[in-house]
Protein backbone atom coordinates (compact mmCIF):
# COMPACT_ATOMS: atom_id res chain seq x y z
CA UNK A 1 121.63 98.55 89.54
CA UNK A 2 122.41 100.23 86.21
CA UNK A 3 121.57 98.77 82.81
CA UNK A 4 123.42 99.62 79.62
CA UNK A 5 120.66 98.98 77.11
CA UNK A 6 121.67 98.84 73.44
CA UNK A 7 120.41 97.84 70.01
CA UNK A 8 122.55 95.43 68.00
CA UNK A 9 121.84 94.77 64.33
CA UNK A 10 123.34 92.13 62.07
CA UNK A 11 125.96 93.70 59.84
CA UNK A 12 124.77 91.65 56.85
CA UNK A 13 121.06 92.32 57.54
CA UNK A 14 120.71 95.75 59.18
CA UNK A 15 116.94 95.34 59.48
CA UNK A 16 117.42 92.42 61.90
CA UNK A 17 118.04 94.06 65.26
CA UNK A 18 117.79 92.97 68.87
CA UNK A 19 117.76 94.80 72.19
CA UNK A 20 120.57 93.66 74.46
CA UNK A 21 121.77 94.84 77.83
CA UNK A 22 124.68 94.72 80.23
CA UNK A 23 124.03 95.07 83.96
CA UNK A 24 126.30 96.81 86.46
CA UNK A 25 125.86 96.84 90.23
CA UNK A 26 128.70 99.07 91.34
CA UNK A 27 128.54 102.18 89.11
CA UNK A 28 126.52 105.38 88.87
CA UNK A 29 124.43 106.42 85.85
CA UNK A 30 127.10 109.02 84.94
CA UNK A 31 129.85 106.40 85.09
CA UNK A 32 127.73 104.20 82.81
CA UNK A 33 127.35 107.04 80.29
CA UNK A 34 131.08 107.78 80.33
CA UNK A 35 132.12 104.12 80.10
CA UNK A 36 129.49 102.87 77.66
CA UNK A 37 131.52 103.18 74.47
CA UNK A 38 134.48 101.10 75.70
CA UNK A 39 132.09 98.44 77.07
CA UNK A 40 130.21 98.31 73.76
CA UNK A 41 133.51 98.09 71.87
CA UNK A 42 134.44 95.04 73.98
CA UNK A 43 131.03 93.51 73.26
CA UNK A 44 131.38 94.01 69.49
CA UNK A 45 134.82 92.36 69.56
CA UNK A 46 133.19 89.17 70.83
CA UNK A 47 130.14 89.55 68.53
CA UNK A 48 131.67 90.56 65.17
CA UNK A 49 128.50 89.84 63.17
CA UNK A 50 126.68 92.67 64.98
CA UNK A 51 126.80 96.45 64.84
CA UNK A 52 125.59 98.61 67.75
CA UNK A 53 123.16 101.24 66.47
CA UNK A 54 122.10 102.96 69.69
CA UNK A 55 122.43 102.79 73.47
CA UNK A 56 121.37 104.33 76.77
CA UNK A 57 121.98 103.88 80.48
CA UNK A 58 119.08 103.52 82.89
CA UNK A 59 118.33 102.58 86.46
CA UNK A 60 116.89 99.10 86.93
CA UNK A 61 113.94 98.78 89.29
CA UNK A 62 114.27 95.37 91.00
CA UNK A 63 110.50 95.33 91.58
CA UNK A 64 109.69 95.50 87.86
CA UNK A 65 109.21 92.26 86.01
CA UNK A 66 109.21 91.65 82.27
CA UNK A 67 105.89 90.67 80.80
């Protein structure tokens, strides 16, 4: 599984940011890197109050759990 991890900040309050992610099960890390910008553009269309300030693609380890 591949995770597109990104930081989204409020356009009106750029110091208020959140980490968000999109998960993909059927793509490679390279495909994630190449397709990230269009996916993030779609996300910002549905979340107009936010601005994406950074992103990365990473493998998700199904055995890891959030603390």
